[in-house]
Amino acid sequence: MERESMEFDVLIVGGGPAGLSAACRIMQMAQEAEQELTVCVVEKGSEIGAHILAGTVFEPTALNELFPDWKEKGAPLNTPVTRDDIFLFKGQQSATKLPNALVPKNMHNHGNYIISLGNLCRWLAEQAEELGVEVYPGFPAAETIIEDGQVKGIITGDMGVARDGSEKDGYMPGMELRAKYTLFTEGCRGHLGKRLIEEYKLDEGKDPQHYGIGIKELWDIDPDKHEPGLVVHTTGWPLTESGSTGGSFLYHLENGQVYVGLITDLSYSNPHVSPFEEFQRLKYHPEIKKYLEGGKRVSYGARAIAKGGYNALPKMSFPGGLLLGCDAGTLNSSKIKGSHTAMKSGMLGAEAVFEAIQAGQEGDEITSFQKKFEDSWLYKELYSERNFGPAMHKFGNMVGGAIAFFEQNILGGSLPFTFHDTTPDYATLKPASECKKIDYPKPDNKLTFDRLSSVFISNTNHEEDQPIHLKLTDPDIPIQDNLPKYDEPAQRYCPAGVYEVVEADDGSGKKFQINAQNCVHCKTCDIKDPAQNITWVTPEGGGGPNYPNM
């Protein structure tokens, strides 16, 4: 097929904190060296920030380095953290507040800010454009161009393709965007990053990546209950009832609003677990309910989180490009933060790419990146917390938390040995017949809600007549294998009601229905399906959620 083509010095796939930081840093260096460079960022969301979802308590370390004058430039960091409260929820009504002295030091948030990461990315995009970066939202990177073993760029998604694959009126084929180097910063479980890891065997000798699903709501609450800067974290109930691990958060940002959310580790074994309903149930706990009661839910979203840390980090360089940020898995789970680490990885990648281009390189592997990474505070931070995730998975939150406390607060560093977790999350499910069914309460539409009303306030929209972007390798597996063995867990792990088991119209029995229009692009299905039968690919440009202030 004949496609239009554009060429750049550097192409960046994904308009999140890693990609935008990389773009800004490259252009800063180019201007300092008085060298002209063309840098392009493509983003699948309808606008920068539309698909960005995180907690977010933000550590400004990397931002301080990238833009030391960020306050004067108006970066949207408006609410400094004033207090940390950490609770152990022993049951639906009981809670014990942990003394600060017993909390691992990485969980303290002095000097951090409660922010909307989407709004920060919008601001970063403005800085990038002022520096001369071309930023193109609504352009999903559908395929990678690989020639002679080197990544040469990407192909954007076709527009105007019908569900049956035919071309509609106004059909536009995707463009080839080519570059000397391409940086992949798609976020957790990026679909091109996933293929690159496989293509170049970047995860050889590494632990499998581990994940959580973060589900989050934005609420307007009673002004009398609002305490700007308050950070609340919890562990224990409700996840302990199903043998799961994870924890919740409630952050008081500005303008009388709070973020509330639950992270459920995707290593859970009971296929009856529904992370969405676990989150709804959390809101009945008195320590959460007291803030939300009488308030109004404003927005909803969900996103997978890469939690494997240092032990699961793939090699990040390959011929023609780099894998950066959460696409590689740079999140520091012991801090419950990934934005500052994503930004720093983007900046390190930018410096390595700029130096390679200055040296006349094009398309070969940037081997200098690894040393830059190992010499950075990012490497030291991730290495020092390498035991956190495996300890939580092996021993649970209480014992794992005690190990983290001993490492961080007593040793002031890490243990002289490393825990490993070598079972991928999709392989942890037990047969449904061996697990306890969970009776989740029905939504009351005041504190708790159903999936469809939640998806509605995420502003999720996809062109209905387009190919389904959730691909089944074998369409028979959901009903023939997953249903009898695991009661088809996609019905429950999806936080958006995408997957249903329904009666076939022709009376032939059960069928697996995919409501792709509901998809919030969390990637949980791509991660947790026990047969690894579901592959998430990009839908038509601009499709998906449109998160405000999230």
Protein backbone atom coordinates (compact mmCIF):
# COMPACT_ATOMS: atom_id res chain seq x y z
CA MET A 1 0.00 0.00 0.00
CA GLU A 2 1.20 3.49 -0.85
CA ARG A 3 1.38 5.63 2.29
CA GLU A 4 2.37 9.21 2.85
CA SER A 5 5.63 9.51 4.72
CA MET A 6 7.21 12.09 7.01
CA GLU A 7 10.75 12.05 8.37
CA PHE A 8 12.12 13.36 11.67
CA ASP A 9 15.32 13.18 13.60
CA VAL A 10 13.54 11.78 16.66
CA LEU A 11 10.06 10.27 16.89
CA ILE A 12 8.40 9.75 20.29
CA VAL A 13 5.44 7.39 20.67
CA GLY A 14 3.23 8.47 23.56
CA GLY A 15 2.44 11.86 25.07
CA GLY A 16 2.86 10.94 28.73
CA PRO A 17 5.45 12.15 31.26
CA ALA A 18 8.31 10.07 29.80
CA GLY A 19 7.71 11.02 26.16
CA LEU A 20 7.11 14.71 26.77
CA SER A 21 10.11 14.99 29.10
CA ALA A 22 12.25 13.32 26.44
CA ALA A 23 10.98 15.75 23.80
CA CYS A 24 11.65 18.79 25.96
CA ARG A 25 15.13 17.62 26.96
CA ILE A 26 16.20 16.88 23.38
CA MET A 27 15.15 20.34 22.22
CA GLN A 28 16.81 22.01 25.19
CA MET A 29 20.07 20.31 24.26
CA ALA A 30 19.65 21.14 20.57
CA GLN A 31 19.12 24.81 21.37
CA GLU A 32 22.13 24.88 23.70
CA ALA A 33 24.25 23.35 20.91
CA GLU A 34 22.65 25.64 18.28
CA GLN A 35 21.71 22.57 16.30
CA GLU A 36 18.45 22.18 14.38
CA LEU A 37 16.56 18.97 15.13
CA THR A 38 13.08 17.81 14.18
CA VAL A 39 11.27 16.06 17.03
CA CYS A 40 7.73 14.68 16.84
CA VAL A 41 5.43 13.26 19.55
CA VAL A 42 2.42 11.16 18.51
CA GLU A 43 -0.34 10.42 21.03
CA LYS A 44 -3.33 8.12 20.56
CA GLY A 45 -5.64 10.15 22.83
CA SER A 46 -7.87 12.87 21.43
CA GLU A 47 -5.71 15.42 23.25
CA ILE A 48 -2.60 15.31 25.41
CA GLY A 49 -3.68 14.10 28.86
CA ALA A 50 -6.90 12.46 27.66
CA HIS A 51 -5.61 8.96 28.45
CA ILE A 52 -3.35 9.86 31.38
CA LEU A 53 -4.35 8.30 34.69
CA ALA A 54 -2.35 8.03 37.89
CA GLY A 55 -2.85 8.51 41.67
CA THR A 56 -1.20 11.13 41.80
CA VAL A 57 1.15 12.15 44.55
CA PHE A 58 3.98 13.63 42.54
CA GLU A 59 7.65 13.83 43.48
CA PRO A 60 9.17 16.83 41.65
CA THR A 61 12.77 15.53 41.48
CA ALA A 62 12.88 15.10 37.70
CA LEU A 63 10.78 18.20 37.02
CA ASN A 64 13.25 20.26 39.06
CA GLU A 65 16.01 19.07 36.73
CA LEU A 66 14.05 19.54 33.50
CA PHE A 67 12.54 22.95 34.29
CA PRO A 68 14.14 24.47 37.40
CA ASP A 69 11.82 27.47 36.93
CA TRP A 70 8.62 25.38 36.72
CA LYS A 71 6.87 27.53 39.31
CA GLU A 72 7.42 30.68 37.27
CA LYS A 73 6.30 28.82 34.15
CA GLY A 74 3.01 27.91 35.83
CA ALA A 75 3.32 24.13 36.17
CA PRO A 76 0.10 22.81 37.76
CA LEU A 77 1.57 21.72 41.10
CA ASN A 78 -0.84 23.56 43.36
CA THR A 79 -1.30 21.37 46.45
CA PRO A 80 1.75 20.43 48.54
CA VAL A 81 1.31 17.38 50.77
CA THR A 82 0.65 18.47 54.33
CA ARG A 83 0.06 15.16 56.12
CA ASP A 84 0.34 11.39 55.60
CA ASP A 85 -2.17 9.01 57.22
CA ILE A 86 -1.61 5.28 56.76
CA PHE A 87 -4.17 2.78 57.97
CA LEU A 88 -4.41 -0.97 58.31
CA PHE A 89 -8.02 -1.92 57.58
CA LYS A 90 -8.72 -5.06 59.64
CA GLY A 91 -12.31 -5.35 58.45
CA GLN A 92 -15.23 -3.38 57.03
CA GLN A 93 -15.56 -1.28 60.20
CA SER A 94 -12.17 -1.43 61.92
CA ALA A 95 -8.92 0.38 61.23
CA THR A 96 -5.59 0.96 62.93
CA LYS A 97 -3.61 4.06 62.11
CA LEU A 98 0.09 3.22 61.75
CA PRO A 99 2.53 5.49 63.62
CA ASN A 100 4.80 7.40 61.25
CA ALA A 101 7.83 5.80 62.90
CA LEU A 102 6.68 2.38 61.65
CA VAL A 103 6.07 3.44 58.06
CA PRO A 104 8.75 2.64 55.41
CA LYS A 105 10.45 5.96 54.64
CA ASN A 106 9.66 5.73 50.92
CA MET A 107 5.98 6.16 51.77
CA HIS A 108 6.50 9.54 53.41
CA ASN A 109 5.51 12.40 51.11
CA HIS A 110 7.10 15.52 52.57
CA GLY A 111 8.03 17.81 49.66
CA ASN A 112 5.63 16.14 47.23
CA TYR A 113 2.45 17.47 45.60
CA ILE A 114 -1.04 16.17 44.90
CA ILE A 115 -1.63 16.82 41.21
CA SER A 116 -3.52 15.82 38.10
CA LEU A 117 -0.93 14.02 35.98
CA GLY A 118 -3.09 14.68 32.92
CA ASN A 119 -2.87 18.41 33.58
CA LEU A 120 0.89 18.20 34.11
CA CYS A 121 1.23 16.43 30.75
CA ARG A 122 -0.86 19.15 29.09
CA TRP A 123 1.55 21.70 30.55
CA LEU A 124 4.60 19.67 29.45
CA ALA A 125 3.17 19.55 25.92
CA GLU A 126 2.92 23.34 25.92
CA GLN A 127 6.58 23.58 26.96
CA ALA A 128 7.54 21.09 24.25
CA GLU A 129 5.72 23.04 21.55
CA GLU A 130 7.33 26.28 22.68
CA LEU A 131 10.71 24.55 22.26
CA GLY A 132 9.77 23.54 18.70
CA VAL A 133 8.48 19.97 19.14
CA GLU A 134 5.66 18.86 16.83
CA VAL A 135 2.90 17.28 18.96
CA TYR A 136 0.17 15.27 17.23
CA PRO A 137 -2.68 13.94 19.40
CA GLY A 138 -5.26 11.60 17.86
CA PHE A 139 -2.58 9.64 15.98
CA PRO A 140 -2.18 6.11 17.36
CA ALA A 141 1.01 4.24 16.50
CA ALA A 142 -0.41 1.02 15.07
CA GLU A 143 2.69 -0.73 13.72
CA THR A 144 6.46 -0.51 14.05
CA ILE A 145 8.59 -0.17 10.93
CA ILE A 146 11.51 -2.61 11.20
CA GLU A 147 13.96 -2.87 8.30
CA ASP A 148 17.22 -4.84 8.32
CA GLY A 149 16.75 -5.47 12.03
CA GLN A 150 16.50 -1.77 12.86
CA VAL A 151 13.45 0.19 14.03
CA LYS A 152 12.89 2.94 11.47
CA GLY A 153 9.68 4.51 12.82
CA ILE A 154 5.99 3.68 13.05
CA ILE A 155 2.83 3.53 10.95
CA THR A 156 -0.18 5.40 12.33
CA GLY A 157 -3.58 3.72 12.37
CA ASP A 158 -5.89 3.77 9.36
CA MET A 159 -8.99 5.96 9.70
CA GLY A 160 -12.41 5.06 8.33
CA VAL A 161 -12.28 1.24 8.39
CA ALA A 162 -15.62 -0.52 9.03
CA ARG A 163 -16.17 -3.38 11.46
CA ASP A 164 -16.04 -5.87 8.56
CA GLY A 165 -12.71 -4.45 7.33
CA SER A 166 -14.15 -2.55 4.38
CA GLU A 167 -13.24 1.08 3.69
CA LYS A 168 -15.89 3.66 4.59
CA ASP A 169 -16.39 7.04 2.95
CA GLY A 170 -13.55 9.28 3.99
CA TYR A 171 -11.12 6.37 4.49
CA MET A 172 -7.55 7.54 5.17
CA PRO A 173 -4.65 5.11 5.32
CA GLY A 174 -2.17 5.59 8.14
CA MET A 175 1.07 7.47 7.52
CA GLU A 176 4.63 6.29 7.80
CA LEU A 177 6.51 8.38 10.34
CA ARG A 178 10.21 7.65 10.02
CA ALA A 179 13.08 8.80 12.21
CA LYS A 180 16.75 8.29 12.93
CA TYR A 181 15.64 7.11 16.37
CA THR A 182 12.25 6.22 17.83
CA LEU A 183 11.49 6.39 21.56
CA PHE A 184 8.60 4.24 22.81
CA THR A 185 6.86 5.79 25.82
CA GLU A 186 3.36 4.31 25.54
CA GLY A 187 2.83 3.70 29.25
CA CYS A 188 2.25 0.41 31.02
CA ARG A 189 1.90 -2.61 28.68
CA GLY A 190 2.35 -0.57 25.54
CA HIS A 191 1.27 -2.73 22.64
CA LEU A 192 4.29 -1.86 20.49
CA GLY A 193 6.62 -2.06 23.48
CA LYS A 194 5.31 -5.55 24.17
CA ARG A 195 6.19 -6.60 20.61
CA LEU A 196 9.63 -4.98 20.77
CA ILE A 197 10.45 -6.84 23.99
CA GLU A 198 9.59 -10.08 22.20
CA GLU A 199 11.26 -9.14 18.89
CA TYR A 200 14.59 -8.19 20.47
CA LYS A 201 14.40 -10.56 23.49
CA LEU A 202 14.79 -7.57 25.79
CA ASP A 203 13.48 -9.46 28.83
CA GLU A 204 15.94 -12.35 28.57
CA GLY A 205 17.21 -13.27 32.04
CA LYS A 206 14.71 -10.96 33.77
CA ASP A 207 11.82 -11.71 36.10
CA PRO A 208 8.42 -11.47 34.40
CA GLN A 209 6.82 -8.05 34.67
CA HIS A 210 4.14 -7.83 37.39
CA TYR A 211 1.13 -5.56 37.38
CA GLY A 212 -1.67 -4.05 39.38
CA ILE A 213 -4.91 -2.50 38.20
CA GLY A 214 -5.55 0.96 39.58
CA ILE A 215 -9.17 2.11 39.65
CA LYS A 216 -9.79 5.74 40.55
CA GLU A 217 -12.58 8.26 41.00
CA LEU A 218 -12.60 12.05 41.34
CA TRP A 219 -15.12 13.47 43.84
CA ASP A 220 -16.41 16.87 44.85
CA ILE A 221 -16.81 16.66 48.63
CA ASP A 222 -18.31 18.71 51.44
CA PRO A 223 -15.94 21.70 52.02
CA ASP A 224 -16.08 21.05 55.77
CA LYS A 225 -14.51 17.62 55.20
CA HIS A 226 -11.84 18.83 52.79
CA GLU A 227 -8.23 19.13 53.91
CA PRO A 228 -6.00 20.20 51.00
CA GLY A 229 -2.74 18.26 51.05
CA LEU A 230 -3.95 15.27 53.09
CA VAL A 231 -2.69 11.92 51.80
CA VAL A 232 -4.39 8.73 53.05
CA HIS A 233 -3.10 5.25 52.19
CA THR A 234 -4.60 1.97 53.38
CA THR A 235 -3.83 -1.73 53.25
CA GLY A 236 -5.84 -4.78 54.30
CA TRP A 237 -9.61 -4.97 53.85
CA PRO A 238 -11.33 -5.49 51.43
CA LEU A 239 -8.58 -7.28 49.46
CA THR A 240 -7.52 -9.53 52.34
CA GLU A 241 -10.94 -11.24 52.31
CA SER A 242 -10.18 -12.70 48.87
CA GLY A 243 -6.49 -13.36 49.55
CA SER A 244 -5.45 -10.50 47.27
CA THR A 245 -2.83 -7.82 47.84
CA GLY A 246 -2.73 -4.13 47.07
CA GLY A 247 -3.93 -0.98 48.76
CA SER A 248 -6.06 2.13 48.51
CA PHE A 249 -5.47 5.86 48.40
CA LEU A 250 -7.44 9.03 49.08
CA TYR A 251 -5.79 12.35 48.18
CA HIS A 252 -7.20 15.82 48.93
CA LEU A 253 -6.31 18.11 46.02
CA GLU A 254 -7.44 21.71 45.48
CA ASN A 255 -10.95 23.08 44.83
CA GLY A 256 -12.77 20.84 47.30
CA GLN A 257 -11.94 17.65 45.40
CA VAL A 258 -10.45 14.29 46.34
CA TYR A 259 -9.06 11.34 44.42
CA VAL A 260 -10.03 7.92 45.77
CA GLY A 261 -8.79 4.65 44.36
CA LEU A 262 -7.76 1.05 44.87
CA ILE A 263 -4.79 -0.82 43.40
CA THR A 264 -5.33 -4.57 43.17
CA ASP A 265 -2.26 -6.64 42.37
CA LEU A 266 -2.96 -8.79 39.30
CA SER A 267 -1.18 -11.71 40.92
CA TYR A 268 -4.43 -12.68 42.68
CA SER A 269 -5.44 -16.35 42.45
CA ASN A 270 -9.22 -16.38 43.01
CA PRO A 271 -10.91 -15.96 39.59
CA HIS A 272 -14.07 -14.70 41.33
CA VAL A 273 -12.25 -11.50 42.34
CA SER A 274 -13.57 -8.32 40.73
CA PRO A 275 -11.16 -5.41 41.27
CA PHE A 276 -13.95 -3.00 40.29
CA GLU A 277 -16.32 -4.31 42.97
CA GLU A 278 -13.52 -4.50 45.53
CA PHE A 279 -13.03 -0.78 44.95
CA GLN A 280 -16.74 -0.03 45.28
CA ARG A 281 -16.84 -1.99 48.54
CA LEU A 282 -13.83 -0.06 49.88
CA LYS A 283 -15.89 3.14 49.90
CA TYR A 284 -18.13 1.75 52.66
CA HIS A 285 -15.25 1.72 55.13
CA PRO A 286 -15.77 4.51 57.72
CA GLU A 287 -12.30 6.00 57.10
CA ILE A 288 -13.18 6.47 53.40
CA LYS A 289 -16.93 6.97 53.68
CA LYS A 290 -16.58 9.91 56.10
CA TYR A 291 -15.02 11.99 53.32
CA LEU A 292 -17.21 10.91 50.40
CA GLU A 293 -20.65 10.83 52.03
CA GLY A 294 -22.74 13.73 50.75
CA GLY A 295 -20.29 14.36 47.90
CA LYS A 296 -20.63 13.88 44.16
CA ARG A 297 -18.60 11.61 41.89
CA VAL A 298 -17.15 13.59 38.96
CA SER A 299 -15.01 11.17 36.98
CA TYR A 300 -13.86 7.54 36.82
CA GLY A 301 -10.93 5.72 35.24
CA ALA A 302 -8.79 2.60 35.36
CA ARG A 303 -5.25 1.76 34.25
CA ALA A 304 -2.81 -1.10 34.65
CA ILE A 305 0.39 -0.35 36.59
CA ALA A 306 3.77 -2.02 36.00
CA LYS A 307 4.96 -3.10 39.47
CA GLY A 308 7.80 -5.53 38.75
CA GLY A 309 10.46 -2.92 39.47
CA TYR A 310 14.17 -3.42 38.97
CA ASN A 311 14.06 -7.23 38.68
CA ALA A 312 11.62 -7.07 35.75
CA LEU A 313 13.20 -4.16 33.88
CA PRO A 314 13.91 -5.22 30.28
CA LYS A 315 16.94 -4.05 28.38
CA MET A 316 15.82 -0.62 27.21
CA SER A 317 17.90 -0.16 24.03
CA PHE A 318 17.64 -1.89 20.66
CA PRO A 319 18.68 -0.99 17.11
CA GLY A 320 16.92 2.25 16.23
CA GLY A 321 15.32 3.14 19.52
CA LEU A 322 14.68 3.03 23.26
CA LEU A 323 11.91 1.73 25.52
CA LEU A 324 11.30 4.24 28.31
CA GLY A 325 9.06 5.04 31.28
CA CYS A 326 6.24 2.69 32.17
CA ASP A 327 6.59 1.05 28.73
CA ALA A 328 9.73 -0.47 30.27
CA GLY A 329 8.37 -0.57 33.84
CA THR A 330 10.32 2.12 35.70
CA LEU A 331 7.66 2.70 38.39
CA ASN A 332 8.90 2.58 41.99
CA SER A 333 6.19 0.55 43.71
CA SER A 334 7.63 1.08 47.20
CA LYS A 335 6.94 4.81 46.76
CA ILE A 336 3.67 4.16 44.87
CA LYS A 337 5.04 6.58 42.27
CA GLY A 338 6.08 6.32 38.65
CA SER A 339 5.82 9.82 37.20
CA HIS A 340 9.18 11.15 38.37
CA THR A 341 10.92 7.92 37.32
CA ALA A 342 9.22 7.97 33.91
CA MET A 343 10.30 11.59 33.40
CA LYS A 344 13.89 10.83 34.36
CA SER A 345 14.08 7.81 32.04
CA GLY A 346 12.79 10.04 29.22
CA MET A 347 15.42 12.66 29.98
CA LEU A 348 18.21 10.06 30.06
CA GLY A 349 16.96 8.66 26.76
CA ALA A 350 16.89 12.14 25.26
CA GLU A 351 20.50 12.79 26.26
CA ALA A 352 21.69 9.45 24.83
CA VAL A 353 19.81 10.00 21.54
CA PHE A 354 21.04 13.57 21.16
CA GLU A 355 24.64 12.49 21.64
CA ALA A 356 24.20 9.65 19.12
CA ILE A 357 22.78 11.99 16.48
CA GLN A 358 25.55 14.52 17.12
CA ALA A 359 28.05 11.72 16.53
CA GLY A 360 26.43 10.98 13.17
CA GLN A 361 24.75 7.75 14.26
CA GLU A 362 21.42 6.64 12.80
CA GLY A 363 19.49 3.44 13.44
CA ASP A 364 22.13 1.51 15.33
CA GLU A 365 21.79 0.62 19.01
CA ILE A 366 22.51 3.39 21.50
CA THR A 367 24.66 1.33 23.82
CA SER A 368 25.60 4.43 25.86
CA PHE A 369 22.10 4.56 27.34
CA GLN A 370 22.74 1.71 29.79
CA LYS A 371 25.70 3.47 31.40
CA LYS A 372 23.76 6.74 31.63
CA PHE A 373 20.96 4.83 33.33
CA GLU A 374 23.31 3.02 35.75
CA ASP A 375 25.01 6.30 36.70
CA SER A 376 21.70 8.01 37.50
CA TRP A 377 19.66 8.39 40.67
CA LEU A 378 16.88 6.53 38.83
CA TYR A 379 18.93 3.32 38.74
CA LYS A 380 19.95 3.67 42.39
CA GLU A 381 16.34 4.26 43.42
CA LEU A 382 14.98 1.25 41.54
CA TYR A 383 17.82 -1.04 42.60
CA SER A 384 17.38 -0.19 46.28
CA GLU A 385 13.68 -1.13 46.20
CA ARG A 386 14.11 -4.33 44.18
CA ASN A 387 12.86 -6.56 47.03
CA PHE A 388 9.66 -4.62 47.72
CA GLY A 389 7.36 -6.14 45.09
CA PRO A 390 8.59 -9.75 45.36
CA ALA A 391 8.35 -9.60 49.16
CA MET A 392 4.76 -8.33 48.96
CA HIS A 393 3.82 -11.11 46.52
CA LYS A 394 5.60 -13.87 48.46
CA PHE A 395 4.70 -12.89 52.00
CA GLY A 396 1.69 -10.54 51.78
CA ASN A 397 1.38 -6.87 52.67
CA MET A 398 2.12 -7.19 56.39
CA VAL A 399 5.32 -9.26 56.24
CA GLY A 400 6.33 -7.61 52.96
CA GLY A 401 5.81 -4.21 54.57
CA ALA A 402 7.94 -5.26 57.55
CA ILE A 403 10.75 -6.27 55.19
CA ALA A 404 10.47 -2.89 53.44
CA PHE A 405 10.60 -1.10 56.82
CA PHE A 406 13.71 -3.07 57.82
CA GLU A 407 15.45 -2.33 54.50
CA GLN A 408 14.56 1.36 54.26
CA ASN A 409 14.41 2.54 57.87
CA ILE A 410 16.89 0.26 59.68
CA LEU A 411 19.46 -0.74 57.04
CA GLY A 412 19.19 2.52 55.09
CA GLY A 413 19.58 0.44 51.95
CA SER A 414 18.65 -2.96 50.59
CA LEU A 415 19.30 -6.46 51.84
CA PRO A 416 22.45 -8.16 50.52
CA PHE A 417 20.30 -10.62 48.57
CA THR A 418 17.38 -10.34 46.15
CA PHE A 419 13.89 -11.87 46.28
CA HIS A 420 12.42 -12.96 42.96
CA ASP A 421 8.87 -13.55 41.77
CA THR A 422 9.06 -15.70 38.65
CA THR A 423 5.37 -16.57 38.18
CA PRO A 424 3.67 -14.25 35.65
CA ASP A 425 0.38 -12.75 36.79
CA TYR A 426 -1.70 -14.60 34.19
CA ALA A 427 -0.48 -17.97 35.56
CA THR A 428 -1.62 -17.43 39.16
CA LEU A 429 -5.34 -18.19 38.79
CA LYS A 430 -6.73 -21.32 40.47
CA PRO A 431 -9.74 -23.20 39.10
CA ALA A 432 -13.00 -21.47 40.08
CA SER A 433 -14.26 -24.67 41.71
CA GLU A 434 -11.40 -24.49 44.24
CA CYS A 435 -12.08 -20.85 45.22
CA LYS A 436 -14.63 -19.10 47.35
CA LYS A 437 -17.32 -17.19 45.47
CA ILE A 438 -17.58 -13.55 46.50
CA ASP A 439 -20.93 -11.89 47.15
CA TYR A 440 -20.47 -8.26 46.20
CA PRO A 441 -23.16 -5.79 47.32
CA LYS A 442 -25.32 -4.10 44.72
CA PRO A 443 -24.51 -0.44 44.02
CA ASP A 444 -26.44 2.18 45.97
CA ASN A 445 -25.76 4.93 43.36
CA LYS A 446 -24.63 7.26 46.14
CA LEU A 447 -21.27 5.86 47.20
CA THR A 448 -21.09 2.83 44.93
CA PHE A 449 -21.92 2.44 41.25
CA ASP A 450 -22.04 -0.05 38.39
CA ARG A 451 -19.55 -0.35 35.55
CA LEU A 452 -21.61 1.26 32.81
CA SER A 453 -22.43 4.43 34.74
CA SER A 454 -18.72 4.60 35.62
CA VAL A 455 -17.60 4.27 32.01
CA PHE A 456 -20.07 7.01 31.09
CA ILE A 457 -18.31 9.58 33.32
CA SER A 458 -14.90 8.56 31.96
CA ASN A 459 -16.07 10.20 28.70
CA THR A 460 -15.09 7.04 26.82
CA ASN A 461 -16.04 6.99 23.17
CA HIS A 462 -15.07 4.89 20.16
CA GLU A 463 -16.38 5.00 16.62
CA GLU A 464 -18.83 2.09 16.81
CA ASP A 465 -18.39 0.82 13.26
CA GLN A 466 -14.69 -0.03 13.39
CA PRO A 467 -12.74 -3.27 13.80
CA ILE A 468 -12.72 -4.56 17.38
CA HIS A 469 -9.39 -3.57 18.90
CA LEU A 470 -9.39 -6.46 21.39
CA LYS A 471 -8.14 -9.41 19.36
CA LEU A 472 -8.71 -13.07 20.29
CA THR A 473 -5.98 -15.41 19.06
CA ASP A 474 -8.48 -18.30 19.37
CA PRO A 475 -12.15 -17.22 19.57
CA ASP A 476 -13.14 -20.60 21.10
CA ILE A 477 -10.96 -20.38 24.23
CA PRO A 478 -13.23 -18.10 26.33
CA ILE A 479 -16.21 -20.48 26.23
CA GLN A 480 -14.48 -23.84 25.76
CA ASP A 481 -11.64 -23.38 28.27
CA ASN A 482 -11.87 -20.24 30.41
CA LEU A 483 -15.57 -20.55 31.26
CA PRO A 484 -15.56 -24.10 32.65
CA LYS A 485 -12.19 -23.75 34.39
CA TYR A 486 -12.15 -20.13 35.62
CA ASP A 487 -15.79 -18.99 35.17
CA GLU A 488 -14.34 -16.72 32.44
CA PRO A 489 -12.58 -14.13 34.64
CA ALA A 490 -12.66 -11.42 31.95
CA GLN A 491 -16.23 -10.75 33.10
CA ARG A 492 -14.79 -9.56 36.41
CA TYR A 493 -11.23 -8.29 35.92
CA CYS A 494 -12.33 -5.82 33.22
CA PRO A 495 -13.34 -2.57 35.00
CA ALA A 496 -15.43 -1.33 32.07
CA GLY A 497 -17.92 -4.10 31.23
CA VAL A 498 -16.17 -4.92 27.95
CA TYR A 499 -16.45 -8.70 28.30
CA GLU A 500 -19.66 -10.63 28.86
CA VAL A 501 -20.78 -14.25 28.64
CA VAL A 502 -24.30 -14.19 27.17
CA GLU A 503 -26.76 -16.54 25.52
CA ALA A 504 -26.29 -16.76 21.75
CA ASP A 505 -29.16 -15.33 19.71
CA ASP A 506 -29.54 -18.57 17.77
CA GLY A 507 -30.04 -20.61 20.95
CA SER A 508 -26.78 -22.51 20.48
CA GLY A 509 -25.59 -21.81 24.04
CA LYS A 510 -23.16 -19.36 25.59
CA LYS A 511 -21.11 -16.87 23.61
CA PHE A 512 -18.31 -14.46 24.51
CA GLN A 513 -19.32 -10.88 23.79
CA ILE A 514 -16.83 -8.02 23.46
CA ASN A 515 -18.27 -4.52 24.00
CA ALA A 516 -15.20 -2.74 22.66
CA GLN A 517 -16.85 0.70 22.77
CA ASN A 518 -16.60 0.57 26.60
CA CYS A 519 -12.83 0.02 26.69
CA VAL A 520 -10.92 2.52 28.87
CA HIS A 521 -7.56 1.22 27.57
CA CYS A 522 -6.46 -0.13 30.97
CA LYS A 523 -4.77 -3.20 29.34
CA THR A 524 -5.81 -5.55 32.18
CA CYS A 525 -7.24 -8.12 29.75
CA ASP A 526 -3.97 -8.24 27.81
CA ILE A 527 -2.18 -8.98 31.11
CA LYS A 528 -4.49 -11.23 33.16
CA ASP A 529 -6.18 -13.51 30.62
CA PRO A 530 -5.00 -16.98 31.77
CA ALA A 531 -4.59 -18.23 28.17
CA GLN A 532 -2.89 -15.02 27.00
CA ASN A 533 -5.52 -15.10 24.26
CA ILE A 534 -6.47 -11.38 24.28
CA THR A 535 -4.27 -8.81 22.56
CA TRP A 536 -5.00 -5.10 22.90
CA VAL A 537 -4.23 -3.07 19.76
CA THR A 538 -4.91 0.59 19.00
CA PRO A 539 -8.45 1.57 17.98
CA GLU A 540 -9.16 4.40 15.57
CA GLY A 541 -7.38 7.64 16.46
CA GLY A 542 -8.78 9.65 19.38
CA GLY A 543 -10.88 6.75 20.69
CA GLY A 544 -10.98 5.88 24.37
CA PRO A 545 -11.45 7.86 27.57
CA ASN A 546 -11.12 11.62 27.92
CA TYR A 547 -10.11 12.20 31.52
CA PRO A 548 -10.63 15.66 33.04
CA ASN A 549 -8.35 16.63 35.93
CA MET A 550 -7.33 13.00 36.54
